[in-house]
Amino acid sequence: MVFVAMQQFARPVIRQYFNADSCIASTRVGINVLRHFGIGAKPLALSVLVINAEGSRLMRDEGVEAFQRAIRASQPEDEGGPWSIGVGAQRSPLDIALDAWQGHLIVEIPQFRTFMDLSIDQANRPLKNIDLTPHYFTLEPGDPWLEGTEPVMEMFAADGTTLVLDRRAPDPEGFRKSTNWTGNNGLSAALAECTDEIIAEVEKFFIEAGRVYGQP
């Protein structure tokens, strides 16, 4: 139940304190909330390639080359058409200038073989029909992506959007220098207040649902 509540309530609160590209802060807050409810969690660095439903169909029906040709012929401001976007896959010129970390950060909950992405909505592109919301997923024991023996995994959203998760982050610990993780430069209060607000929302959810605190 904690996972369900966080999937529903965490992101609107986080967005009151941090911008859309806030995977580090979102993961930090998510871990803090889970620990409050007695659930151990840790950060996991990766990258995500998001392919919209039209692009996924084209790739499936006509192959990768047809998809790549369609992407080259399209522009970000065009409406519709096959499209993809990488999250944490590469750094923009601004990222390089600011020495920003390259990667995407999510929450790993080892006890339940569960992963939670509280900031995937940063990949949303309405013109390209990409509309993702925070989510969590659970893997079976021995899953090769879970065990790390297979670094890439495909997931499929209900609308046909494809998410390709790649654990091969070029700097898997670099996020720890970010102020969104450390709380330096005055951000510790924002992280704490954000955490407390989400905890209150989750507890309210439990009360309304008649559940016992701490039930995942």
C-alpha atoms as a PDB file:
ATOM      1  CA  MET A   1       0.000   0.000   0.000  1.00  0.00           C
ATOM      2  CA  VAL A   2       2.915   2.382   0.605  1.00  0.00           C
ATOM      3  CA  PHE A   3       4.017   1.924  -3.004  1.00  0.00           C
ATOM      4  CA  VAL A   4       0.533   2.609  -4.329  1.00  0.00           C
ATOM      5  CA  ALA A   5       0.191   5.738  -2.219  1.00  0.00           C
ATOM      6  CA  MET A   6       3.599   7.065  -3.223  1.00  0.00           C
ATOM      7  CA  GLN A   7       2.902   6.425  -6.879  1.00  0.00           C
ATOM      8  CA  GLN A   8      -0.195   8.568  -6.535  1.00  0.00           C
ATOM      9  CA  PHE A   9       0.828  11.346  -4.131  1.00  0.00           C
ATOM     10  CA  ALA A  10       4.613  11.792  -4.153  1.00  0.00           C
ATOM     11  CA  ARG A  11       5.178  13.551  -7.444  1.00  0.00           C
ATOM     12  CA  PRO A  12       2.699  16.450  -7.005  1.00  0.00           C
ATOM     13  CA  VAL A  13       4.357  17.285  -3.690  1.00  0.00           C
ATOM     14  CA  ILE A  14       7.875  16.960  -5.132  1.00  0.00           C
ATOM     15  CA  ARG A  15       6.974  19.351  -7.952  1.00  0.00           C
ATOM     16  CA  GLN A  16       6.110  22.013  -5.393  1.00  0.00           C
ATOM     17  CA  TYR A  17       9.768  22.027  -4.357  1.00  0.00           C
ATOM     18  CA  PHE A  18      11.740  20.840  -7.400  1.00  0.00           C
ATOM     19  CA  ASN A  19      11.515  21.096 -11.177  1.00  0.00           C
ATOM     20  CA  ALA A  20      10.577  18.322 -13.592  1.00  0.00           C
ATOM     21  CA  ASP A  21      14.188  17.186 -14.120  1.00  0.00           C
ATOM     22  CA  SER A  22      14.543  16.199 -10.487  1.00  0.00           C
ATOM     23  CA  CYS A  23      15.269  12.487 -10.420  1.00  0.00           C
ATOM     24  CA  ILE A  24      17.950  12.904  -7.743  1.00  0.00           C
ATOM     25  CA  ALA A  25      15.739  14.845  -5.333  1.00  0.00           C
ATOM     26  CA  SER A  26      12.769  12.595  -6.116  1.00  0.00           C
ATOM     27  CA  THR A  27      14.781   9.480  -5.311  1.00  0.00           C
ATOM     28  CA  ARG A  28      16.238  11.015  -2.164  1.00  0.00           C
ATOM     29  CA  VAL A  29      12.790  11.954  -0.904  1.00  0.00           C
ATOM     30  CA  GLY A  30      11.320   8.613  -1.943  1.00  0.00           C
ATOM     31  CA  ILE A  31      13.964   6.714   0.031  1.00  0.00           C
ATOM     32  CA  ASN A  32      13.351   8.895   3.088  1.00  0.00           C
ATOM     33  CA  VAL A  33       9.597   8.288   2.929  1.00  0.00           C
ATOM     34  CA  LEU A  34      10.026   4.539   2.570  1.00  0.00           C
ATOM     35  CA  ARG A  35      12.450   4.399   5.489  1.00  0.00           C
ATOM     36  CA  HIS A  36       9.916   6.249   7.632  1.00  0.00           C
ATOM     37  CA  PHE A  37       7.580   3.309   7.062  1.00  0.00           C
ATOM     38  CA  GLY A  38      10.281   0.760   7.833  1.00  0.00           C
ATOM     39  CA  ILE A  39      11.050  -0.162   4.230  1.00  0.00           C
ATOM     40  CA  GLY A  40      14.707  -0.230   3.216  1.00  0.00           C
ATOM     41  CA  ALA A  41      15.553   1.380  -0.107  1.00  0.00           C
ATOM     42  CA  LYS A  42      18.560   2.622  -2.040  1.00  0.00           C
ATOM     43  CA  PRO A  43      19.281   4.625  -5.209  1.00  0.00           C
ATOM     44  CA  LEU A  44      19.871   2.993  -8.577  1.00  0.00           C
ATOM     45  CA  ALA A  45      21.516   4.886 -11.433  1.00  0.00           C
ATOM     46  CA  LEU A  46      20.578   4.014 -15.001  1.00  0.00           C
ATOM     47  CA  SER A  47      19.373   5.551 -18.248  1.00  0.00           C
ATOM     48  CA  VAL A  48      15.977   5.238 -19.894  1.00  0.00           C
ATOM     49  CA  LEU A  49      15.084   5.403 -23.572  1.00  0.00           C
ATOM     50  CA  VAL A  50      11.410   6.230 -24.101  1.00  0.00           C
ATOM     51  CA  ILE A  51       9.879   5.346 -27.485  1.00  0.00           C
ATOM     52  CA  ASN A  52       6.341   6.521 -28.144  1.00  0.00           C
ATOM     53  CA  ALA A  53       3.615   4.100 -29.200  1.00  0.00           C
ATOM     54  CA  GLU A  54       3.819   5.025 -32.881  1.00  0.00           C
ATOM     55  CA  GLY A  55       7.565   4.526 -32.888  1.00  0.00           C
ATOM     56  CA  SER A  56       7.220   1.226 -31.035  1.00  0.00           C
ATOM     57  CA  ARG A  57       4.757  -0.059 -33.630  1.00  0.00           C
ATOM     58  CA  LEU A  58       6.972   1.041 -36.503  1.00  0.00           C
ATOM     59  CA  MET A  59      10.017  -0.628 -35.002  1.00  0.00           C
ATOM     60  CA  ARG A  60       8.081  -3.818 -34.371  1.00  0.00           C
ATOM     61  CA  ASP A  61       6.502  -3.924 -37.849  1.00  0.00           C
ATOM     62  CA  GLU A  62       9.264  -2.558 -40.058  1.00  0.00           C
ATOM     63  CA  GLY A  63      12.455  -2.722 -38.023  1.00  0.00           C
ATOM     64  CA  VAL A  64      14.968  -0.406 -36.401  1.00  0.00           C
ATOM     65  CA  GLU A  65      16.173   1.215 -39.637  1.00  0.00           C
ATOM     66  CA  ALA A  66      12.654   2.321 -40.581  1.00  0.00           C
ATOM     67  CA  PHE A  67      12.238   3.778 -37.112  1.00  0.00           C
ATOM     68  CA  GLN A  68      15.544   5.643 -37.325  1.00  0.00           C
ATOM     69  CA  ARG A  69      14.630   7.092 -40.740  1.00  0.00           C
ATOM     70  CA  ALA A  70      11.318   8.328 -39.349  1.00  0.00           C
ATOM     71  CA  ILE A  71      13.058   9.951 -36.383  1.00  0.00           C
ATOM     72  CA  ARG A  72      15.540  11.772 -38.646  1.00  0.00           C
ATOM     73  CA  ALA A  73      12.655  13.091 -40.749  1.00  0.00           C
ATOM     74  CA  SER A  74      10.762  14.457 -37.740  1.00  0.00           C
ATOM     75  CA  GLN A  75      11.264  17.535 -35.586  1.00  0.00           C
ATOM     76  CA  PRO A  76      10.492  18.066 -31.867  1.00  0.00           C
ATOM     77  CA  GLU A  77       7.859  20.663 -32.720  1.00  0.00           C
ATOM     78  CA  ASP A  78       6.059  18.358 -35.177  1.00  0.00           C
ATOM     79  CA  GLU A  79       2.834  16.858 -33.916  1.00  0.00           C
ATOM     80  CA  GLY A  80       2.658  13.088 -33.805  1.00  0.00           C
ATOM     81  CA  GLY A  81       4.884  10.626 -35.592  1.00  0.00           C
ATOM     82  CA  PRO A  82       7.458   8.173 -34.231  1.00  0.00           C
ATOM     83  CA  TRP A  83       9.633   9.682 -31.536  1.00  0.00           C
ATOM     84  CA  SER A  84      12.069   8.763 -28.778  1.00  0.00           C
ATOM     85  CA  ILE A  85      13.747  10.590 -25.935  1.00  0.00           C
ATOM     86  CA  GLY A  86      16.580   9.579 -23.673  1.00  0.00           C
ATOM     87  CA  VAL A  87      16.519  10.261 -19.943  1.00  0.00           C
ATOM     88  CA  GLY A  88      20.011  10.321 -18.486  1.00  0.00           C
ATOM     89  CA  ALA A  89      21.453   8.894 -21.688  1.00  0.00           C
ATOM     90  CA  GLN A  90      23.638  11.866 -22.585  1.00  0.00           C
ATOM     91  CA  ARG A  91      24.455  15.357 -21.395  1.00  0.00           C
ATOM     92  CA  SER A  92      23.312  18.502 -23.160  1.00  0.00           C
ATOM     93  CA  PRO A  93      25.775  21.394 -23.750  1.00  0.00           C
ATOM     94  CA  LEU A  94      24.220  23.122 -20.730  1.00  0.00           C
ATOM     95  CA  ASP A  95      24.705  19.984 -18.606  1.00  0.00           C
ATOM     96  CA  ILE A  96      28.351  19.895 -19.629  1.00  0.00           C
ATOM     97  CA  ALA A  97      28.821  23.581 -18.839  1.00  0.00           C
ATOM     98  CA  LEU A  98      27.274  23.079 -15.401  1.00  0.00           C
ATOM     99  CA  ASP A  99      29.130  19.788 -14.857  1.00  0.00           C
ATOM    100  CA  ALA A 100      25.744  18.124 -14.307  1.00  0.00           C
ATOM    101  CA  TRP A 101      25.568  14.422 -13.598  1.00  0.00           C
ATOM    102  CA  GLN A 102      24.750  12.132 -16.516  1.00  0.00           C
ATOM    103  CA  GLY A 103      22.158   9.531 -15.601  1.00  0.00           C
ATOM    104  CA  HIS A 104      18.667   8.894 -14.305  1.00  0.00           C
ATOM    105  CA  LEU A 105      18.065   7.914 -10.683  1.00  0.00           C
ATOM    106  CA  ILE A 106      15.302   5.674  -9.358  1.00  0.00           C
ATOM    107  CA  VAL A 107      14.515   3.933  -6.074  1.00  0.00           C
ATOM    108  CA  GLU A 108      15.422   0.268  -5.559  1.00  0.00           C
ATOM    109  CA  ILE A 109      13.626  -1.660  -2.805  1.00  0.00           C
ATOM    110  CA  PRO A 110      15.597  -4.920  -2.532  1.00  0.00           C
ATOM    111  CA  GLN A 111      13.350  -6.622   0.031  1.00  0.00           C
ATOM    112  CA  PHE A 112      10.460  -6.606  -2.433  1.00  0.00           C
ATOM    113  CA  ARG A 113      12.483  -6.772  -5.701  1.00  0.00           C
ATOM    114  CA  THR A 114      10.717  -3.535  -6.563  1.00  0.00           C
ATOM    115  CA  PHE A 115      11.829  -0.383  -8.343  1.00  0.00           C
ATOM    116  CA  MET A 116      10.121   3.011  -8.235  1.00  0.00           C
ATOM    117  CA  ASP A 117      10.581   5.860 -10.703  1.00  0.00           C
ATOM    118  CA  LEU A 118       9.116   9.049  -9.261  1.00  0.00           C
ATOM    119  CA  SER A 119      10.299  11.404 -12.007  1.00  0.00           C
ATOM    120  CA  ILE A 120       9.778   9.624 -15.323  1.00  0.00           C
ATOM    121  CA  ASP A 121       7.235  12.290 -16.263  1.00  0.00           C
ATOM    122  CA  GLN A 122      10.201  14.487 -17.221  1.00  0.00           C
ATOM    123  CA  ALA A 123      10.215  12.504 -20.481  1.00  0.00           C
ATOM    124  CA  ASN A 124       6.663  13.537 -21.352  1.00  0.00           C
ATOM    125  CA  ARG A 125       6.193  15.126 -24.753  1.00  0.00           C
ATOM    126  CA  PRO A 126       2.495  15.878 -25.401  1.00  0.00           C
ATOM    127  CA  LEU A 127       3.087  16.623 -29.085  1.00  0.00           C
ATOM    128  CA  LYS A 128       4.562  13.138 -29.464  1.00  0.00           C
ATOM    129  CA  ASN A 129       1.873  11.431 -27.346  1.00  0.00           C
ATOM    130  CA  ILE A 130       4.301  10.529 -24.567  1.00  0.00           C
ATOM    131  CA  ASP A 131       2.434  10.765 -21.267  1.00  0.00           C
ATOM    132  CA  LEU A 132       4.097   8.857 -18.447  1.00  0.00           C
ATOM    133  CA  THR A 133       3.345   8.966 -14.731  1.00  0.00           C
ATOM    134  CA  PRO A 134       5.392   7.854 -11.700  1.00  0.00           C
ATOM    135  CA  HIS A 135       5.288   4.094 -11.343  1.00  0.00           C
ATOM    136  CA  TYR A 136       6.801   1.090  -9.640  1.00  0.00           C
ATOM    137  CA  PHE A 137       7.434  -2.423 -10.900  1.00  0.00           C
ATOM    138  CA  THR A 138       8.343  -5.729  -9.263  1.00  0.00           C
ATOM    139  CA  LEU A 139      10.502  -8.438 -10.807  1.00  0.00           C
ATOM    140  CA  GLU A 140      10.543 -12.175 -10.255  1.00  0.00           C
ATOM    141  CA  PRO A 141      13.380 -13.817  -8.278  1.00  0.00           C
ATOM    142  CA  GLY A 142      16.317 -14.539 -10.529  1.00  0.00           C
ATOM    143  CA  ASP A 143      15.295 -12.020 -13.168  1.00  0.00           C
ATOM    144  CA  PRO A 144      18.457 -11.280 -15.192  1.00  0.00           C
ATOM    145  CA  TRP A 145      17.976  -7.495 -15.015  1.00  0.00           C
ATOM    146  CA  LEU A 146      17.402  -7.746 -11.277  1.00  0.00           C
ATOM    147  CA  GLU A 147      20.558  -9.848 -10.882  1.00  0.00           C
ATOM    148  CA  GLY A 148      22.551  -7.530 -13.121  1.00  0.00           C
ATOM    149  CA  THR A 149      23.494 -10.252 -15.592  1.00  0.00           C
ATOM    150  CA  GLU A 150      21.418  -8.562 -18.318  1.00  0.00           C
ATOM    151  CA  PRO A 151      21.873  -4.769 -18.217  1.00  0.00           C
ATOM    152  CA  VAL A 152      19.026  -3.818 -20.553  1.00  0.00           C
ATOM    153  CA  MET A 153      15.322  -4.428 -20.030  1.00  0.00           C
ATOM    154  CA  GLU A 154      12.261  -3.373 -22.028  1.00  0.00           C
ATOM    155  CA  MET A 155       8.996  -2.359 -20.374  1.00  0.00           C
ATOM    156  CA  PHE A 156       5.716  -1.508 -22.072  1.00  0.00           C
ATOM    157  CA  ALA A 157       3.169   1.043 -20.918  1.00  0.00           C
ATOM    158  CA  ALA A 158      -0.535   0.434 -21.398  1.00  0.00           C
ATOM    159  CA  ASP A 159      -0.679   2.861 -24.341  1.00  0.00           C
ATOM    160  CA  GLY A 160       2.111   1.073 -26.210  1.00  0.00           C
ATOM    161  CA  THR A 161       4.982   3.328 -25.160  1.00  0.00           C
ATOM    162  CA  THR A 162       8.244   1.414 -24.744  1.00  0.00           C
ATOM    163  CA  LEU A 163      10.750   2.105 -21.956  1.00  0.00           C
ATOM    164  CA  VAL A 164      14.234   0.668 -22.336  1.00  0.00           C
ATOM    165  CA  LEU A 165      16.071   0.626 -18.993  1.00  0.00           C
ATOM    166  CA  ASP A 166      19.862   0.358 -19.093  1.00  0.00           C
ATOM    167  CA  ARG A 167      21.814  -0.205 -15.870  1.00  0.00           C
ATOM    168  CA  ARG A 168      25.151   0.727 -17.465  1.00  0.00           C
ATOM    169  CA  ALA A 169      25.312   4.275 -16.092  1.00  0.00           C
ATOM    170  CA  PRO A 170      28.659   5.899 -16.964  1.00  0.00           C
ATOM    171  CA  ASP A 171      29.015   7.441 -13.485  1.00  0.00           C
ATOM    172  CA  PRO A 172      26.743   5.421 -11.167  1.00  0.00           C
ATOM    173  CA  GLU A 173      27.794   7.275  -7.998  1.00  0.00           C
ATOM    174  CA  GLY A 174      28.165  10.776  -9.401  1.00  0.00           C
ATOM    175  CA  PHE A 175      24.702  11.850  -8.245  1.00  0.00           C
ATOM    176  CA  ARG A 176      25.969  11.867  -4.658  1.00  0.00           C
ATOM    177  CA  LYS A 177      27.731  15.187  -5.327  1.00  0.00           C
ATOM    178  CA  SER A 178      24.485  16.902  -6.308  1.00  0.00           C
ATOM    179  CA  THR A 179      22.961  19.354  -3.850  1.00  0.00           C
ATOM    180  CA  ASN A 180      19.619  17.664  -4.550  1.00  0.00           C
ATOM    181  CA  TRP A 181      21.136  14.611  -2.849  1.00  0.00           C
ATOM    182  CA  THR A 182      23.302  16.194  -0.159  1.00  0.00           C
ATOM    183  CA  GLY A 183      20.893  18.965   0.769  1.00  0.00           C
ATOM    184  CA  ASN A 184      23.676  21.543   0.652  1.00  0.00           C
ATOM    185  CA  ASN A 185      23.151  25.163  -0.440  1.00  0.00           C
ATOM    186  CA  GLY A 186      19.955  25.452   1.558  1.00  0.00           C
ATOM    187  CA  LEU A 187      18.179  22.449   0.046  1.00  0.00           C
ATOM    188  CA  SER A 188      18.111  20.333   3.226  1.00  0.00           C
ATOM    189  CA  ALA A 189      14.971  22.120   4.416  1.00  0.00           C
ATOM    190  CA  ALA A 190      13.236  21.572   1.085  1.00  0.00           C
ATOM    191  CA  LEU A 191      14.090  17.860   1.122  1.00  0.00           C
ATOM    192  CA  ALA A 192      12.857  17.501   4.711  1.00  0.00           C
ATOM    193  CA  GLU A 193       9.633  19.452   4.166  1.00  0.00           C
ATOM    194  CA  CYS A 194       8.896  17.573   0.972  1.00  0.00           C
ATOM    195  CA  THR A 195       9.465  14.248   2.757  1.00  0.00           C
ATOM    196  CA  ASP A 196       7.182  15.229   5.636  1.00  0.00           C
ATOM    197  CA  GLU A 197       4.386  16.318   3.306  1.00  0.00           C
ATOM    198  CA  ILE A 198       4.477  13.032   1.399  1.00  0.00           C
ATOM    199  CA  ILE A 199       4.507  11.033   4.643  1.00  0.00           C
ATOM    200  CA  ALA A 200       1.397  12.949   5.723  1.00  0.00           C
ATOM    201  CA  GLU A 201      -0.320  12.167   2.410  1.00  0.00           C
ATOM    202  CA  VAL A 202       0.548   8.477   2.677  1.00  0.00           C
ATOM    203  CA  GLU A 203      -0.684   8.280   6.264  1.00  0.00           C
ATOM    204  CA  LYS A 204      -3.911  10.009   5.256  1.00  0.00           C
ATOM    205  CA  PHE A 205      -4.277   7.448   2.477  1.00  0.00           C
ATOM    206  CA  PHE A 206      -3.828   4.619   4.985  1.00  0.00           C
ATOM    207  CA  ILE A 207      -6.434   6.072   7.309  1.00  0.00           C
ATOM    208  CA  GLU A 208      -8.945   6.528   4.527  1.00  0.00           C
ATOM    209  CA  ALA A 209      -8.273   3.042   3.213  1.00  0.00           C
ATOM    210  CA  GLY A 210      -8.482   1.501   6.684  1.00  0.00           C
ATOM    211  CA  ARG A 211      -5.060  -0.037   6.316  1.00  0.00           C
ATOM    212  CA  VAL A 212      -2.250  -0.694   8.796  1.00  0.00           C
ATOM    213  CA  TYR A 213       0.821   1.530   8.528  1.00  0.00           C
ATOM    214  CA  GLY A 214       3.835  -0.047   6.882  1.00  0.00           C
ATOM    215  CA  GLN A 215       2.005  -2.435   4.561  1.00  0.00           C
ATOM    216  CA  PRO A 216       3.642  -2.178   1.107  1.00  0.00           C
END
